[in-house]
N, C-alpha and C. Protein backbone atom coordinates (compact mmCIF):
# COMPACT_ATOMS: atom_id res chain seq x y z
N MET A 1 15.15 -0.05 14.90
CA MET A 1 15.10 1.41 14.90
C MET A 1 14.78 1.92 13.50
N GLU A 2 13.88 2.86 13.43
CA GLU A 2 13.46 3.40 12.14
C GLU A 2 14.55 4.32 11.60
N HIS A 3 14.80 4.19 10.32
CA HIS A 3 15.79 5.02 9.64
C HIS A 3 15.30 6.47 9.59
N PRO A 4 16.20 7.45 9.83
CA PRO A 4 15.77 8.86 9.83
C PRO A 4 15.09 9.28 8.52
N ILE A 5 15.58 8.77 7.40
CA ILE A 5 14.96 9.14 6.12
C ILE A 5 13.55 8.57 6.04
N ALA A 6 13.33 7.37 6.61
CA ALA A 6 12.02 6.72 6.56
C ALA A 6 10.95 7.59 7.20
N THR A 7 11.30 8.32 8.24
CA THR A 7 10.31 9.17 8.92
C THR A 7 9.90 10.35 8.04
N ALA A 8 10.70 10.68 7.03
CA ALA A 8 10.38 11.79 6.14
C ALA A 8 9.49 11.36 4.97
N ILE A 9 9.30 10.05 4.81
CA ILE A 9 8.46 9.54 3.74
C ILE A 9 7.08 9.26 4.33
N GLU A 10 6.06 9.94 3.81
CA GLU A 10 4.70 9.80 4.34
C GLU A 10 3.85 9.01 3.35
N VAL A 11 3.19 7.96 3.86
CA VAL A 11 2.35 7.11 3.02
C VAL A 11 0.90 7.27 3.47
N SER A 12 0.02 7.62 2.54
CA SER A 12 -1.41 7.66 2.86
C SER A 12 -2.17 6.82 1.84
N VAL A 13 -3.23 6.16 2.32
CA VAL A 13 -3.97 5.22 1.49
C VAL A 13 -5.47 5.51 1.57
N LYS A 14 -6.13 5.49 0.41
CA LYS A 14 -7.59 5.64 0.37
C LYS A 14 -8.16 4.40 -0.33
N PRO A 15 -8.73 3.47 0.45
CA PRO A 15 -9.34 2.29 -0.18
C PRO A 15 -10.79 2.56 -0.58
N ARG A 16 -11.27 1.81 -1.58
CA ARG A 16 -12.69 1.87 -1.91
C ARG A 16 -13.15 0.52 -2.46
N TYR A 17 -14.37 0.20 -2.12
CA TYR A 17 -15.01 -1.05 -2.52
C TYR A 17 -15.50 -0.91 -3.96
N ILE A 18 -15.25 -1.91 -4.79
CA ILE A 18 -15.68 -1.88 -6.19
C ILE A 18 -16.85 -2.86 -6.33
N ALA A 19 -18.06 -2.37 -6.08
CA ALA A 19 -19.25 -3.23 -6.10
C ALA A 19 -19.46 -3.86 -7.47
N ALA A 20 -19.19 -3.13 -8.55
CA ALA A 20 -19.45 -3.63 -9.89
C ALA A 20 -18.63 -4.88 -10.23
N GLN A 21 -17.45 -5.03 -9.60
CA GLN A 21 -16.59 -6.18 -9.89
C GLN A 21 -16.69 -7.26 -8.81
N SER A 22 -17.39 -6.96 -7.73
CA SER A 22 -17.50 -7.91 -6.62
C SER A 22 -18.66 -8.87 -6.87
N ARG A 23 -18.50 -10.10 -6.39
CA ARG A 23 -19.53 -11.13 -6.51
C ARG A 23 -19.69 -11.81 -5.16
N PRO A 24 -20.44 -11.18 -4.25
CA PRO A 24 -20.58 -11.75 -2.90
C PRO A 24 -21.04 -13.21 -2.90
N ALA A 25 -21.90 -13.60 -3.83
CA ALA A 25 -22.37 -14.99 -3.87
C ALA A 25 -21.23 -15.96 -4.16
N GLN A 26 -20.20 -15.48 -4.83
CA GLN A 26 -19.02 -16.31 -5.12
C GLN A 26 -17.85 -16.00 -4.17
N GLN A 27 -18.12 -15.30 -3.09
CA GLN A 27 -17.10 -14.89 -2.12
C GLN A 27 -15.95 -14.16 -2.81
N ARG A 28 -16.32 -13.17 -3.62
CA ARG A 28 -15.34 -12.34 -4.33
C ARG A 28 -15.66 -10.89 -4.02
N TYR A 29 -14.75 -10.24 -3.30
CA TYR A 29 -14.92 -8.85 -2.90
C TYR A 29 -13.72 -8.07 -3.42
N VAL A 30 -13.99 -7.10 -4.28
CA VAL A 30 -12.92 -6.38 -4.97
C VAL A 30 -12.79 -4.97 -4.38
N TYR A 31 -11.55 -4.62 -4.08
CA TYR A 31 -11.23 -3.29 -3.57
C TYR A 31 -10.14 -2.66 -4.42
N ALA A 32 -10.24 -1.34 -4.59
CA ALA A 32 -9.15 -0.56 -5.16
C ALA A 32 -8.59 0.27 -4.02
N TYR A 33 -7.32 0.60 -4.12
CA TYR A 33 -6.74 1.50 -3.12
C TYR A 33 -5.77 2.44 -3.83
N THR A 34 -5.86 3.71 -3.45
CA THR A 34 -4.99 4.73 -4.02
C THR A 34 -3.98 5.13 -2.95
N VAL A 35 -2.73 5.01 -3.31
CA VAL A 35 -1.64 5.29 -2.37
C VAL A 35 -0.90 6.55 -2.83
N THR A 36 -0.65 7.44 -1.87
CA THR A 36 0.21 8.60 -2.14
C THR A 36 1.43 8.49 -1.24
N ILE A 37 2.60 8.57 -1.86
CA ILE A 37 3.87 8.51 -1.13
C ILE A 37 4.52 9.88 -1.29
N ALA A 38 4.71 10.57 -0.18
CA ALA A 38 5.27 11.93 -0.22
C ALA A 38 6.63 11.95 0.45
N ASN A 39 7.58 12.61 -0.19
CA ASN A 39 8.92 12.77 0.38
C ASN A 39 8.99 14.14 1.04
N ASN A 40 8.84 14.16 2.37
CA ASN A 40 8.89 15.42 3.12
C ASN A 40 10.30 15.72 3.64
N GLY A 41 11.26 14.92 3.21
CA GLY A 41 12.63 15.10 3.70
C GLY A 41 13.48 15.89 2.73
N ASP A 42 14.81 15.79 2.91
CA ASP A 42 15.72 16.52 2.04
C ASP A 42 16.66 15.60 1.27
N VAL A 43 16.30 14.31 1.19
CA VAL A 43 17.10 13.33 0.46
C VAL A 43 16.21 12.63 -0.56
N THR A 44 16.68 12.53 -1.81
CA THR A 44 15.94 11.82 -2.84
C THR A 44 15.95 10.33 -2.54
N ALA A 45 14.80 9.67 -2.74
CA ALA A 45 14.70 8.24 -2.49
C ALA A 45 13.88 7.59 -3.59
N GLN A 46 14.26 6.37 -3.94
CA GLN A 46 13.55 5.62 -4.97
C GLN A 46 12.87 4.41 -4.34
N LEU A 47 11.63 4.18 -4.75
CA LEU A 47 10.89 3.01 -4.28
C LEU A 47 11.36 1.81 -5.10
N MET A 48 11.93 0.82 -4.43
CA MET A 48 12.48 -0.34 -5.11
C MET A 48 11.52 -1.54 -5.10
N GLY A 49 10.81 -1.69 -3.98
CA GLY A 49 9.93 -2.86 -3.88
C GLY A 49 8.84 -2.64 -2.85
N ARG A 50 7.93 -3.64 -2.79
CA ARG A 50 6.81 -3.55 -1.86
C ARG A 50 6.60 -4.89 -1.18
N HIS A 51 6.01 -4.83 0.00
CA HIS A 51 5.63 -6.03 0.74
C HIS A 51 4.30 -5.73 1.42
N TRP A 52 3.26 -6.46 1.01
CA TRP A 52 1.93 -6.29 1.58
C TRP A 52 1.55 -7.52 2.37
N VAL A 53 0.86 -7.31 3.47
CA VAL A 53 0.22 -8.40 4.21
C VAL A 53 -1.27 -8.06 4.23
N ILE A 54 -2.07 -8.98 3.71
CA ILE A 54 -3.51 -8.76 3.57
C ILE A 54 -4.22 -9.86 4.35
N ARG A 55 -5.11 -9.47 5.26
CA ARG A 55 -5.87 -10.45 6.03
C ARG A 55 -7.35 -10.14 5.86
N ASP A 56 -8.15 -11.18 5.65
CA ASP A 56 -9.59 -10.94 5.61
C ASP A 56 -10.21 -11.26 6.97
N GLU A 57 -11.51 -11.02 7.06
CA GLU A 57 -12.19 -11.17 8.36
C GLU A 57 -12.15 -12.59 8.88
N ARG A 58 -11.86 -13.56 7.98
CA ARG A 58 -11.74 -14.96 8.41
C ARG A 58 -10.29 -15.31 8.75
N ASN A 59 -9.45 -14.29 8.76
CA ASN A 59 -8.02 -14.42 9.06
C ASN A 59 -7.24 -15.16 7.97
N LYS A 60 -7.80 -15.22 6.76
CA LYS A 60 -7.04 -15.75 5.63
C LYS A 60 -6.00 -14.69 5.26
N ARG A 61 -4.76 -15.12 5.12
CA ARG A 61 -3.65 -14.19 4.92
C ARG A 61 -3.08 -14.35 3.52
N GLN A 62 -2.88 -13.22 2.86
CA GLN A 62 -2.17 -13.18 1.58
C GLN A 62 -0.94 -12.31 1.79
N GLU A 63 0.14 -12.71 1.16
CA GLU A 63 1.34 -11.89 1.23
C GLU A 63 1.77 -11.58 -0.19
N VAL A 64 2.09 -10.33 -0.46
CA VAL A 64 2.50 -9.92 -1.80
C VAL A 64 3.83 -9.19 -1.68
N LYS A 65 4.83 -9.71 -2.39
CA LYS A 65 6.13 -9.04 -2.45
C LYS A 65 6.45 -8.84 -3.92
N GLY A 66 7.08 -7.73 -4.24
CA GLY A 66 7.42 -7.52 -5.63
C GLY A 66 8.29 -6.30 -5.83
N VAL A 67 8.71 -6.16 -7.09
CA VAL A 67 9.55 -5.04 -7.48
C VAL A 67 8.64 -3.86 -7.78
N GLY A 68 8.97 -2.71 -7.23
CA GLY A 68 8.24 -1.48 -7.53
C GLY A 68 6.76 -1.56 -7.18
N VAL A 69 5.99 -0.66 -7.80
CA VAL A 69 4.54 -0.62 -7.67
C VAL A 69 3.95 -0.34 -9.05
N VAL A 70 2.90 -1.03 -9.41
CA VAL A 70 2.24 -0.91 -10.72
C VAL A 70 3.27 -0.80 -11.87
N GLY A 71 4.30 -1.63 -11.81
CA GLY A 71 5.30 -1.67 -12.87
C GLY A 71 6.30 -0.53 -12.87
N GLU A 72 6.29 0.29 -11.84
CA GLU A 72 7.21 1.43 -11.78
C GLU A 72 8.03 1.40 -10.50
N GLN A 73 9.17 2.06 -10.56
CA GLN A 73 10.02 2.27 -9.38
C GLN A 73 10.25 3.78 -9.28
N PRO A 74 9.23 4.50 -8.76
CA PRO A 74 9.30 5.96 -8.77
C PRO A 74 10.43 6.50 -7.90
N ARG A 75 11.05 7.57 -8.41
CA ARG A 75 12.11 8.29 -7.69
C ARG A 75 11.49 9.55 -7.14
N LEU A 76 11.56 9.70 -5.82
CA LEU A 76 10.92 10.84 -5.15
C LEU A 76 11.95 11.84 -4.69
N GLU A 77 11.97 12.97 -5.34
CA GLU A 77 12.86 14.05 -4.91
C GLU A 77 12.23 14.74 -3.71
N PRO A 78 13.02 15.45 -2.91
CA PRO A 78 12.46 16.18 -1.76
C PRO A 78 11.30 17.07 -2.19
N GLY A 79 10.22 17.00 -1.42
CA GLY A 79 9.05 17.81 -1.71
C GLY A 79 8.10 17.24 -2.74
N LYS A 80 8.46 16.11 -3.35
CA LYS A 80 7.64 15.52 -4.40
C LYS A 80 6.83 14.35 -3.84
N SER A 81 5.78 13.98 -4.58
CA SER A 81 4.99 12.82 -4.18
C SER A 81 4.66 11.99 -5.42
N TYR A 82 4.22 10.77 -5.17
CA TYR A 82 3.85 9.83 -6.23
C TYR A 82 2.56 9.16 -5.80
N THR A 83 1.60 9.09 -6.72
CA THR A 83 0.31 8.47 -6.42
C THR A 83 0.04 7.37 -7.43
N TYR A 84 -0.46 6.23 -6.95
CA TYR A 84 -0.86 5.16 -7.84
C TYR A 84 -2.09 4.46 -7.27
N THR A 85 -2.79 3.73 -8.13
CA THR A 85 -3.94 2.95 -7.70
C THR A 85 -3.73 1.50 -8.08
N SER A 86 -4.05 0.62 -7.15
CA SER A 86 -3.96 -0.82 -7.39
C SER A 86 -5.21 -1.46 -6.79
N GLY A 87 -5.22 -2.78 -6.75
CA GLY A 87 -6.41 -3.45 -6.24
C GLY A 87 -6.09 -4.77 -5.57
N VAL A 88 -7.11 -5.29 -4.89
CA VAL A 88 -6.98 -6.57 -4.19
C VAL A 88 -8.35 -7.24 -4.20
N VAL A 89 -8.34 -8.57 -4.23
CA VAL A 89 -9.57 -9.34 -4.19
C VAL A 89 -9.55 -10.18 -2.91
N LEU A 90 -10.62 -10.07 -2.13
CA LEU A 90 -10.75 -10.86 -0.90
C LEU A 90 -11.83 -11.92 -1.09
N GLU A 91 -11.73 -12.99 -0.29
CA GLU A 91 -12.77 -14.03 -0.28
C GLU A 91 -13.79 -13.76 0.81
N ALA A 92 -13.55 -12.77 1.64
CA ALA A 92 -14.49 -12.36 2.69
C ALA A 92 -14.80 -10.89 2.48
N GLU A 93 -15.89 -10.43 3.11
CA GLU A 93 -16.38 -9.08 2.83
C GLU A 93 -15.43 -7.98 3.29
N THR A 94 -14.78 -8.17 4.43
CA THR A 94 -13.91 -7.12 4.95
C THR A 94 -12.51 -7.67 5.20
N GLY A 95 -11.57 -6.74 5.30
CA GLY A 95 -10.19 -7.14 5.53
C GLY A 95 -9.33 -5.98 5.99
N LEU A 96 -8.06 -6.26 6.10
CA LEU A 96 -7.08 -5.29 6.57
C LEU A 96 -5.81 -5.46 5.75
N MET A 97 -5.21 -4.35 5.34
CA MET A 97 -3.94 -4.39 4.61
C MET A 97 -2.92 -3.53 5.32
N GLU A 98 -1.67 -3.98 5.31
CA GLU A 98 -0.55 -3.18 5.80
C GLU A 98 0.70 -3.72 5.13
N GLY A 99 1.80 -3.00 5.31
CA GLY A 99 3.02 -3.48 4.68
C GLY A 99 4.16 -2.50 4.79
N SER A 100 5.04 -2.57 3.79
CA SER A 100 6.19 -1.67 3.77
C SER A 100 6.72 -1.53 2.35
N TYR A 101 7.41 -0.42 2.13
CA TYR A 101 8.11 -0.18 0.88
C TYR A 101 9.59 -0.25 1.14
N ASP A 102 10.32 -0.90 0.22
CA ASP A 102 11.78 -0.88 0.25
C ASP A 102 12.22 0.31 -0.58
N MET A 103 12.99 1.20 0.04
CA MET A 103 13.43 2.42 -0.62
C MET A 103 14.96 2.46 -0.62
N ARG A 104 15.50 3.28 -1.54
CA ARG A 104 16.95 3.45 -1.62
C ARG A 104 17.27 4.90 -1.95
N THR A 105 18.24 5.44 -1.23
CA THR A 105 18.70 6.80 -1.52
C THR A 105 19.63 6.76 -2.73
N ASP A 106 19.91 7.93 -3.30
CA ASP A 106 20.81 7.99 -4.45
C ASP A 106 22.20 7.47 -4.13
N ASP A 107 22.61 7.58 -2.85
CA ASP A 107 23.95 7.08 -2.51
C ASP A 107 23.93 5.60 -2.08
N GLY A 108 22.81 4.92 -2.34
CA GLY A 108 22.77 3.47 -2.15
C GLY A 108 22.29 2.99 -0.79
N GLU A 109 21.90 3.90 0.08
CA GLU A 109 21.42 3.50 1.40
C GLU A 109 20.01 2.94 1.28
N VAL A 110 19.80 1.75 1.82
CA VAL A 110 18.51 1.08 1.72
C VAL A 110 17.77 1.21 3.04
N PHE A 111 16.45 1.47 2.97
CA PHE A 111 15.64 1.57 4.18
C PHE A 111 14.21 1.17 3.87
N GLN A 112 13.45 0.90 4.91
CA GLN A 112 12.06 0.52 4.75
C GLN A 112 11.14 1.61 5.28
N VAL A 113 10.01 1.79 4.59
CA VAL A 113 8.98 2.73 5.02
C VAL A 113 7.72 1.92 5.32
N PRO A 114 7.22 1.99 6.55
CA PRO A 114 6.01 1.24 6.87
C PRO A 114 4.78 1.84 6.17
N ILE A 115 3.88 0.95 5.75
CA ILE A 115 2.59 1.37 5.21
C ILE A 115 1.58 1.12 6.33
N PRO A 116 0.96 2.17 6.85
CA PRO A 116 0.04 1.98 7.97
C PRO A 116 -1.14 1.09 7.57
N ALA A 117 -1.63 0.32 8.53
CA ALA A 117 -2.76 -0.57 8.27
C ALA A 117 -4.00 0.23 7.89
N PHE A 118 -4.76 -0.31 6.94
CA PHE A 118 -6.04 0.31 6.58
C PHE A 118 -7.07 -0.78 6.34
N ALA A 119 -8.32 -0.43 6.62
CA ALA A 119 -9.41 -1.41 6.53
C ALA A 119 -10.01 -1.42 5.14
N LEU A 120 -10.42 -2.62 4.72
CA LEU A 120 -11.16 -2.82 3.49
C LEU A 120 -12.58 -3.18 3.90
N VAL A 121 -13.48 -2.22 3.78
CA VAL A 121 -14.85 -2.40 4.27
C VAL A 121 -15.80 -1.78 3.25
N PRO A 122 -16.78 -2.55 2.76
CA PRO A 122 -17.75 -1.94 1.85
C PRO A 122 -18.66 -0.96 2.59
N PRO A 123 -19.14 0.07 1.90
CA PRO A 123 -19.94 1.11 2.56
C PRO A 123 -21.12 0.55 3.36
N HIS A 124 -21.79 -0.48 2.87
CA HIS A 124 -22.97 -1.00 3.57
C HIS A 124 -22.61 -1.71 4.88
N ALA A 125 -21.33 -2.04 5.08
CA ALA A 125 -20.92 -2.76 6.29
C ALA A 125 -20.42 -1.82 7.39
N LEU A 126 -20.33 -0.53 7.09
CA LEU A 126 -19.89 0.43 8.11
C LEU A 126 -21.00 0.64 9.12
N HIS A 127 -20.62 0.68 10.38
CA HIS A 127 -21.63 0.84 11.45
C HIS A 127 -21.57 2.23 12.03
């Protein structure tokens, strides 16, 4: 069952292909993604950690777990949001990312916020 506070945290992601850093001949495809985490609820929550599952079109799976995001553990007060940009390198041209954030309220309650799946697709591969 999803935690009531988790439903108040909204995660949106905008991925983009970085052609200048990608090397298709070497099976290296670089993507950046910008994530915005908005607290639409009435309880302050801090992002403690992240868990990503990344799959490429060949079904190669990478899993990334860690503390915070981009070296930070942002605290989101009600009505506030936090945006950061990170990146991922795939060995295939397209892929899919999804995951979750581990969050904690000021009174120590821990909950997870799902990160909706998003596609990693270079512009030339869109049909």
